[in-house]
């Protein structure tokens, strides 16, 4: 199979994975009380939404082989990694049934997405596809 076809399949699967992550049952939030709403990290949530748009845009640019897609995707992956490290407080305050039940689907999609991102980065920087960007 041609490396270009493999690359396009990986990017397409990654786009599909983003859509599944958004629609996963783990994304359903429990009822929020007034205390939870006042303590909720709204700024971090807005940053996460902006990152999701940036990441989706970078995947589309990679799919159509735009030069800016390579840099944008690299920045999106690194910033997503850093955001994951610093966003652990989003899970605080949720009950155990939510934490260890529904969120498992969401976390599985995140791990698969990380594998796909790594494969896309490896192809972008270490194969002949790098010449197309």
N, C-alpha and C. Protein backbone atom coordinates (compact mmCIF):
# COMPACT_ATOMS: atom_id res chain seq x y z
N UNK A 1 0.84 -1.18 0.00
CA UNK A 1 0.00 0.00 0.00
C UNK A 1 0.89 1.24 0.00
N UNK A 2 0.53 2.23 -0.77
CA UNK A 2 1.28 3.47 -0.88
C UNK A 2 1.22 4.25 0.43
N UNK A 3 2.33 4.90 0.79
CA UNK A 3 2.40 5.64 2.05
C UNK A 3 1.40 6.80 2.07
N UNK A 4 1.10 7.37 0.90
CA UNK A 4 0.12 8.45 0.83
C UNK A 4 -1.27 7.94 1.21
N UNK A 5 -1.61 6.74 0.73
CA UNK A 5 -2.90 6.16 1.08
C UNK A 5 -2.97 5.85 2.58
N UNK A 6 -1.90 5.31 3.12
CA UNK A 6 -1.85 5.01 4.55
C UNK A 6 -2.02 6.30 5.35
N UNK A 7 -1.32 7.34 4.92
CA UNK A 7 -1.40 8.63 5.60
C UNK A 7 -2.83 9.17 5.57
N UNK A 8 -3.47 9.12 4.41
CA UNK A 8 -4.85 9.63 4.30
C UNK A 8 -5.82 8.80 5.14
N UNK A 9 -5.59 7.50 5.19
CA UNK A 9 -6.46 6.65 6.02
C UNK A 9 -6.28 6.99 7.50
N UNK A 10 -5.03 7.17 7.94
CA UNK A 10 -4.77 7.52 9.34
C UNK A 10 -5.41 8.86 9.71
N UNK A 11 -5.27 9.85 8.83
CA UNK A 11 -5.87 11.16 9.10
C UNK A 11 -7.40 11.05 9.11
N UNK A 12 -7.96 10.30 8.18
CA UNK A 12 -9.41 10.12 8.14
C UNK A 12 -9.93 9.41 9.38
N UNK A 13 -9.21 8.38 9.81
CA UNK A 13 -9.60 7.67 11.03
C UNK A 13 -9.49 8.59 12.24
N UNK A 14 -8.48 9.44 12.24
CA UNK A 14 -8.31 10.40 13.33
C UNK A 14 -9.46 11.39 13.37
N UNK A 15 -9.90 11.87 12.21
CA UNK A 15 -11.06 12.77 12.15
C UNK A 15 -12.30 12.05 12.68
N UNK A 16 -12.47 10.80 12.26
CA UNK A 16 -13.60 10.01 12.75
C UNK A 16 -13.50 9.81 14.26
N UNK A 17 -12.27 9.60 14.76
CA UNK A 17 -12.07 9.45 16.20
C UNK A 17 -12.42 10.71 16.97
N UNK A 18 -12.13 11.87 16.40
CA UNK A 18 -12.51 13.13 17.05
C UNK A 18 -14.03 13.21 17.16
N UNK A 19 -14.70 12.84 16.09
CA UNK A 19 -16.17 12.86 16.13
C UNK A 19 -16.72 11.87 17.16
N UNK A 20 -16.11 10.69 17.25
CA UNK A 20 -16.55 9.72 18.25
C UNK A 20 -16.28 10.21 19.67
N UNK A 21 -15.16 10.90 19.85
CA UNK A 21 -14.83 11.43 21.17
C UNK A 21 -15.87 12.45 21.60
N UNK A 22 -16.29 13.28 20.67
CA UNK A 22 -17.29 14.30 20.99
C UNK A 22 -18.63 13.65 21.33
N UNK A 23 -18.97 12.57 20.63
CA UNK A 23 -20.28 11.95 20.82
C UNK A 23 -20.26 10.78 21.82
N UNK A 24 -19.11 10.50 22.44
CA UNK A 24 -19.00 9.36 23.35
C UNK A 24 -19.90 9.55 24.56
N UNK A 25 -20.42 8.44 25.12
CA UNK A 25 -21.28 8.54 26.31
C UNK A 25 -20.58 9.20 27.49
N UNK A 26 -19.28 9.14 27.55
CA UNK A 26 -18.55 9.75 28.65
C UNK A 26 -18.62 11.26 28.64
N UNK A 27 -19.06 11.85 27.54
CA UNK A 27 -19.14 13.30 27.45
C UNK A 27 -20.40 13.83 28.13
N UNK A 28 -21.33 12.96 28.46
CA UNK A 28 -22.53 13.41 29.17
C UNK A 28 -22.13 13.82 30.58
N UNK A 29 -22.50 15.01 30.96
CA UNK A 29 -22.10 15.50 32.27
C UNK A 29 -23.21 15.27 33.28
N UNK A 30 -22.84 15.05 34.53
CA UNK A 30 -23.85 14.88 35.57
C UNK A 30 -24.50 16.23 35.87
N UNK A 31 -25.59 16.20 36.62
CA UNK A 31 -26.25 17.44 37.02
C UNK A 31 -25.29 18.29 37.83
N UNK A 32 -25.22 19.55 37.49
CA UNK A 32 -24.30 20.45 38.17
C UNK A 32 -25.08 21.29 39.18
N UNK A 33 -24.59 21.35 40.39
CA UNK A 33 -25.20 22.19 41.41
C UNK A 33 -24.60 23.59 41.31
N UNK A 34 -25.19 24.53 42.02
CA UNK A 34 -24.69 25.91 41.99
C UNK A 34 -23.25 25.99 42.50
N UNK A 35 -22.92 25.18 43.51
CA UNK A 35 -21.55 25.17 44.03
C UNK A 35 -20.56 24.67 42.97
N UNK A 36 -20.96 23.63 42.24
CA UNK A 36 -20.09 23.09 41.21
C UNK A 36 -19.91 24.09 40.07
N UNK A 37 -20.99 24.80 39.71
CA UNK A 37 -20.90 25.77 38.64
C UNK A 37 -19.98 26.93 38.99
N UNK A 38 -20.01 27.36 40.23
CA UNK A 38 -19.16 28.48 40.62
C UNK A 38 -17.69 28.08 40.67
N UNK A 39 -17.40 26.82 40.93
CA UNK A 39 -16.02 26.35 41.01
C UNK A 39 -15.52 25.72 39.71
N UNK A 40 -16.37 25.64 38.70
CA UNK A 40 -16.01 24.96 37.46
C UNK A 40 -14.97 25.77 36.70
N UNK A 41 -13.94 25.12 36.17
CA UNK A 41 -12.87 25.85 35.46
C UNK A 41 -13.29 26.25 34.04
N UNK A 42 -14.06 27.31 33.93
CA UNK A 42 -14.60 27.74 32.64
C UNK A 42 -13.50 28.12 31.65
N UNK A 43 -12.45 28.76 32.12
CA UNK A 43 -11.37 29.17 31.21
C UNK A 43 -10.72 27.95 30.58
N UNK A 44 -10.48 26.92 31.37
CA UNK A 44 -9.87 25.70 30.85
C UNK A 44 -10.79 25.01 29.85
N UNK A 45 -12.07 25.07 30.09
CA UNK A 45 -13.04 24.49 29.17
C UNK A 45 -13.02 25.23 27.83
N UNK A 46 -12.95 26.54 27.87
CA UNK A 46 -12.88 27.32 26.63
C UNK A 46 -11.58 27.06 25.88
N UNK A 47 -10.49 26.90 26.61
CA UNK A 47 -9.22 26.57 25.98
C UNK A 47 -9.31 25.20 25.31
N UNK A 48 -9.96 24.25 25.97
CA UNK A 48 -10.12 22.91 25.39
C UNK A 48 -10.96 22.94 24.12
N UNK A 49 -12.01 23.75 24.11
CA UNK A 49 -12.83 23.88 22.90
C UNK A 49 -12.05 24.53 21.76
N UNK A 50 -11.27 25.55 22.08
CA UNK A 50 -10.43 26.20 21.06
C UNK A 50 -9.41 25.21 20.52
N UNK A 51 -8.84 24.38 21.41
CA UNK A 51 -7.88 23.37 20.97
C UNK A 51 -8.55 22.36 20.04
N UNK A 52 -9.78 21.97 20.35
CA UNK A 52 -10.48 20.99 19.52
C UNK A 52 -10.69 21.54 18.11
N UNK A 53 -11.00 22.83 18.00
CA UNK A 53 -11.16 23.45 16.69
C UNK A 53 -9.82 23.48 15.96
N UNK A 54 -8.75 23.87 16.67
CA UNK A 54 -7.41 23.91 16.09
C UNK A 54 -6.98 22.53 15.60
N UNK A 55 -7.23 21.51 16.42
CA UNK A 55 -6.86 20.15 16.07
C UNK A 55 -7.65 19.66 14.85
N UNK A 56 -8.94 19.91 14.84
CA UNK A 56 -9.76 19.50 13.69
C UNK A 56 -9.33 20.20 12.41
N UNK A 57 -9.03 21.49 12.50
CA UNK A 57 -8.55 22.23 11.34
C UNK A 57 -7.22 21.68 10.85
N UNK A 58 -6.33 21.33 11.77
CA UNK A 58 -5.03 20.79 11.36
C UNK A 58 -5.19 19.45 10.64
N UNK A 59 -6.13 18.63 11.09
CA UNK A 59 -6.37 17.35 10.42
C UNK A 59 -6.91 17.56 9.00
N UNK A 60 -7.79 18.52 8.85
CA UNK A 60 -8.33 18.80 7.52
C UNK A 60 -7.22 19.31 6.60
N UNK A 61 -6.36 20.19 7.13
CA UNK A 61 -5.25 20.70 6.33
C UNK A 61 -4.27 19.59 5.95
N UNK A 62 -4.07 18.63 6.84
CA UNK A 62 -3.21 17.48 6.50
C UNK A 62 -3.84 16.63 5.41
N UNK A 63 -5.13 16.47 5.47
CA UNK A 63 -5.83 15.63 4.50
C UNK A 63 -5.72 16.20 3.09
N UNK A 64 -5.68 17.54 2.98
CA UNK A 64 -5.57 18.15 1.66
C UNK A 64 -4.14 18.60 1.35
N UNK A 65 -3.18 18.17 2.17
CA UNK A 65 -1.76 18.42 1.98
C UNK A 65 -1.40 19.91 1.89
N UNK A 66 -1.96 20.71 2.79
CA UNK A 66 -1.57 22.12 2.89
C UNK A 66 -0.29 22.22 3.72
N UNK A 67 0.61 23.10 3.32
CA UNK A 67 1.90 23.23 4.01
C UNK A 67 1.74 23.62 5.48
N UNK A 68 0.76 24.46 5.78
CA UNK A 68 0.56 24.91 7.16
C UNK A 68 0.01 23.79 8.05
N UNK A 69 -0.52 22.74 7.46
CA UNK A 69 -1.09 21.65 8.23
C UNK A 69 -0.09 20.91 9.08
N UNK A 70 1.14 20.76 8.57
CA UNK A 70 2.18 20.04 9.30
C UNK A 70 2.54 20.76 10.60
N UNK A 71 2.79 22.06 10.51
CA UNK A 71 3.14 22.83 11.70
C UNK A 71 1.96 22.93 12.66
N UNK A 72 0.78 23.18 12.10
CA UNK A 72 -0.41 23.32 12.95
C UNK A 72 -0.71 22.01 13.68
N UNK A 73 -0.56 20.90 12.99
CA UNK A 73 -0.80 19.60 13.63
C UNK A 73 0.21 19.34 14.74
N UNK A 74 1.48 19.64 14.48
CA UNK A 74 2.51 19.44 15.49
C UNK A 74 2.24 20.29 16.73
N UNK A 75 1.89 21.55 16.51
CA UNK A 75 1.56 22.44 17.63
C UNK A 75 0.32 21.94 18.37
N UNK A 76 -0.68 21.45 17.64
CA UNK A 76 -1.90 20.95 18.27
C UNK A 76 -1.62 19.72 19.12
N UNK A 77 -0.78 18.82 18.64
CA UNK A 77 -0.48 17.61 19.41
C UNK A 77 0.30 17.96 20.68
N UNK A 78 1.29 18.83 20.55
CA UNK A 78 2.09 19.20 21.73
C UNK A 78 1.23 19.96 22.73
N UNK A 79 0.43 20.91 22.26
CA UNK A 79 -0.42 21.67 23.18
C UNK A 79 -1.50 20.78 23.80
N UNK A 80 -2.00 19.82 23.05
CA UNK A 80 -2.97 18.89 23.60
C UNK A 80 -2.37 18.02 24.70
N UNK A 81 -1.13 17.61 24.49
CA UNK A 81 -0.42 16.84 25.52
C UNK A 81 -0.26 17.67 26.79
N UNK A 82 0.18 18.91 26.63
CA UNK A 82 0.36 19.79 27.79
C UNK A 82 -0.97 20.09 28.48
N UNK A 83 -2.00 20.28 27.69
CA UNK A 83 -3.32 20.55 28.26
C UNK A 83 -3.83 19.34 29.04
N UNK A 84 -3.56 18.15 28.56
CA UNK A 84 -3.97 16.95 29.27
C UNK A 84 -3.28 16.84 30.62
N UNK A 85 -2.01 17.21 30.65
CA UNK A 85 -1.28 17.17 31.92
C UNK A 85 -1.85 18.16 32.92
N UNK A 86 -2.15 19.37 32.46
CA UNK A 86 -2.58 20.43 33.37
C UNK A 86 -4.09 20.48 33.58
N UNK A 87 -4.87 19.66 32.89
CA UNK A 87 -6.32 19.72 32.99
C UNK A 87 -6.89 18.65 33.91
N UNK A 88 -6.10 18.07 34.77
CA UNK A 88 -6.59 16.99 35.63
C UNK A 88 -7.67 17.48 36.59
N UNK A 89 -7.70 18.77 36.91
CA UNK A 89 -8.70 19.27 37.84
C UNK A 89 -10.10 19.28 37.24
N UNK A 90 -10.25 19.06 35.94
CA UNK A 90 -11.59 18.96 35.35
C UNK A 90 -12.35 17.76 35.90
N UNK A 91 -11.62 16.71 36.27
CA UNK A 91 -12.27 15.51 36.77
C UNK A 91 -12.58 15.57 38.26
N UNK A 92 -12.04 16.53 38.96
CA UNK A 92 -12.28 16.63 40.40
C UNK A 92 -13.71 17.05 40.67
N UNK A 93 -14.28 16.52 41.71
CA UNK A 93 -15.63 16.88 42.10
C UNK A 93 -16.72 16.04 41.46
N UNK A 94 -16.38 15.09 40.61
CA UNK A 94 -17.38 14.23 39.99
C UNK A 94 -17.51 12.96 40.82
N UNK A 95 -18.71 12.43 40.86
CA UNK A 95 -18.92 11.23 41.67
C UNK A 95 -18.25 10.01 41.04
N UNK A 96 -18.09 8.95 41.86
CA UNK A 96 -17.35 7.77 41.42
C UNK A 96 -18.03 7.05 40.26
N UNK A 97 -19.36 7.02 40.23
CA UNK A 97 -20.05 6.33 39.15
C UNK A 97 -19.75 6.99 37.82
N UNK A 98 -19.68 8.31 37.83
CA UNK A 98 -19.35 9.01 36.59
C UNK A 98 -17.88 8.81 36.23
N UNK A 99 -17.02 8.95 37.22
CA UNK A 99 -15.59 8.87 36.98
C UNK A 99 -15.17 7.52 36.41
N UNK A 100 -15.68 6.44 36.99
CA UNK A 100 -15.19 5.12 36.60
C UNK A 100 -16.17 4.35 35.72
N UNK A 101 -17.26 4.96 35.35
CA UNK A 101 -18.22 4.29 34.48
C UNK A 101 -18.19 4.85 33.08
N UNK A 102 -18.95 5.90 32.85
CA UNK A 102 -19.12 6.44 31.51
C UNK A 102 -17.85 7.01 30.91
N UNK A 103 -16.98 7.53 31.71
CA UNK A 103 -15.80 8.21 31.18
C UNK A 103 -14.81 7.23 30.54
N UNK A 104 -14.96 5.95 30.81
CA UNK A 104 -14.04 4.95 30.25
C UNK A 104 -14.07 4.96 28.72
N UNK A 105 -15.25 5.15 28.13
CA UNK A 105 -15.35 5.21 26.67
C UNK A 105 -14.57 6.41 26.13
N UNK A 106 -14.76 7.53 26.78
CA UNK A 106 -14.09 8.76 26.38
C UNK A 106 -12.58 8.60 26.48
N UNK A 107 -12.10 8.04 27.56
CA UNK A 107 -10.66 7.84 27.76
C UNK A 107 -10.09 6.87 26.72
N UNK A 108 -10.85 5.85 26.35
CA UNK A 108 -10.37 4.90 25.33
C UNK A 108 -10.16 5.61 24.01
N UNK A 109 -11.08 6.49 23.64
CA UNK A 109 -10.92 7.24 22.39
C UNK A 109 -9.71 8.17 22.46
N UNK A 110 -9.44 8.72 23.62
CA UNK A 110 -8.28 9.60 23.77
C UNK A 110 -6.99 8.80 23.58
N UNK A 111 -6.91 7.60 24.14
CA UNK A 111 -5.70 6.78 23.98
C UNK A 111 -5.51 6.36 22.53
N UNK A 112 -6.57 5.95 21.87
CA UNK A 112 -6.47 5.57 20.46
C UNK A 112 -6.06 6.79 19.62
N UNK A 113 -6.59 7.95 19.96
CA UNK A 113 -6.21 9.17 19.27
C UNK A 113 -4.73 9.48 19.43
N UNK A 114 -4.19 9.20 20.59
CA UNK A 114 -2.76 9.41 20.81
C UNK A 114 -1.90 8.50 19.94
N UNK A 115 -2.33 7.28 19.78
CA UNK A 115 -1.61 6.35 18.90
C UNK A 115 -1.67 6.83 17.46
N UNK A 116 -2.85 7.27 17.02
CA UNK A 116 -2.99 7.79 15.66
C UNK A 116 -2.13 9.04 15.45
N UNK A 117 -2.13 9.93 16.45
CA UNK A 117 -1.32 11.15 16.34
C UNK A 117 0.17 10.80 16.21
N UNK A 118 0.62 9.84 16.98
CA UNK A 118 2.01 9.42 16.90
C UNK A 118 2.36 8.85 15.53
N UNK A 119 1.46 8.04 14.98
CA UNK A 119 1.70 7.46 13.65
C UNK A 119 1.71 8.56 12.58
N UNK A 120 0.80 9.52 12.70
CA UNK A 120 0.76 10.62 11.72
C UNK A 120 2.03 11.46 11.82
N UNK A 121 2.47 11.77 13.04
CA UNK A 121 3.70 12.54 13.21
C UNK A 121 4.91 11.80 12.64
N UNK A 122 4.97 10.50 12.88
CA UNK A 122 6.09 9.71 12.35
C UNK A 122 6.10 9.74 10.82
N UNK A 123 4.95 9.59 10.22
CA UNK A 123 4.88 9.63 8.75
C UNK A 123 5.22 11.03 8.24
N UNK A 124 4.74 12.06 8.94
CA UNK A 124 4.99 13.44 8.51
C UNK A 124 6.48 13.79 8.50
N UNK A 125 7.22 13.32 9.48
CA UNK A 125 8.60 13.74 9.63
C UNK A 125 9.64 12.73 9.15
N UNK A 126 9.26 11.45 8.96
CA UNK A 126 10.26 10.44 8.64
C UNK A 126 10.01 9.67 7.35
N UNK A 127 9.07 10.11 6.53
CA UNK A 127 8.85 9.45 5.24
C UNK A 127 8.91 10.48 4.13
N UNK A 128 8.74 10.02 2.91
CA UNK A 128 8.80 10.95 1.77
C UNK A 128 7.62 11.91 1.72
N UNK A 129 6.62 11.72 2.54
CA UNK A 129 5.49 12.64 2.58
C UNK A 129 5.93 14.02 3.07
N UNK A 130 7.00 14.09 3.85
CA UNK A 130 7.47 15.39 4.34
C UNK A 130 7.80 16.34 3.21
N UNK A 131 8.11 15.82 2.03
CA UNK A 131 8.41 16.67 0.88
C UNK A 131 7.16 17.32 0.30
N UNK A 132 5.99 16.79 0.60
CA UNK A 132 4.74 17.38 0.10
C UNK A 132 4.27 18.54 0.94
N UNK A 133 4.92 18.75 2.09
CA UNK A 133 4.50 19.84 3.00
C UNK A 133 5.53 20.94 3.00
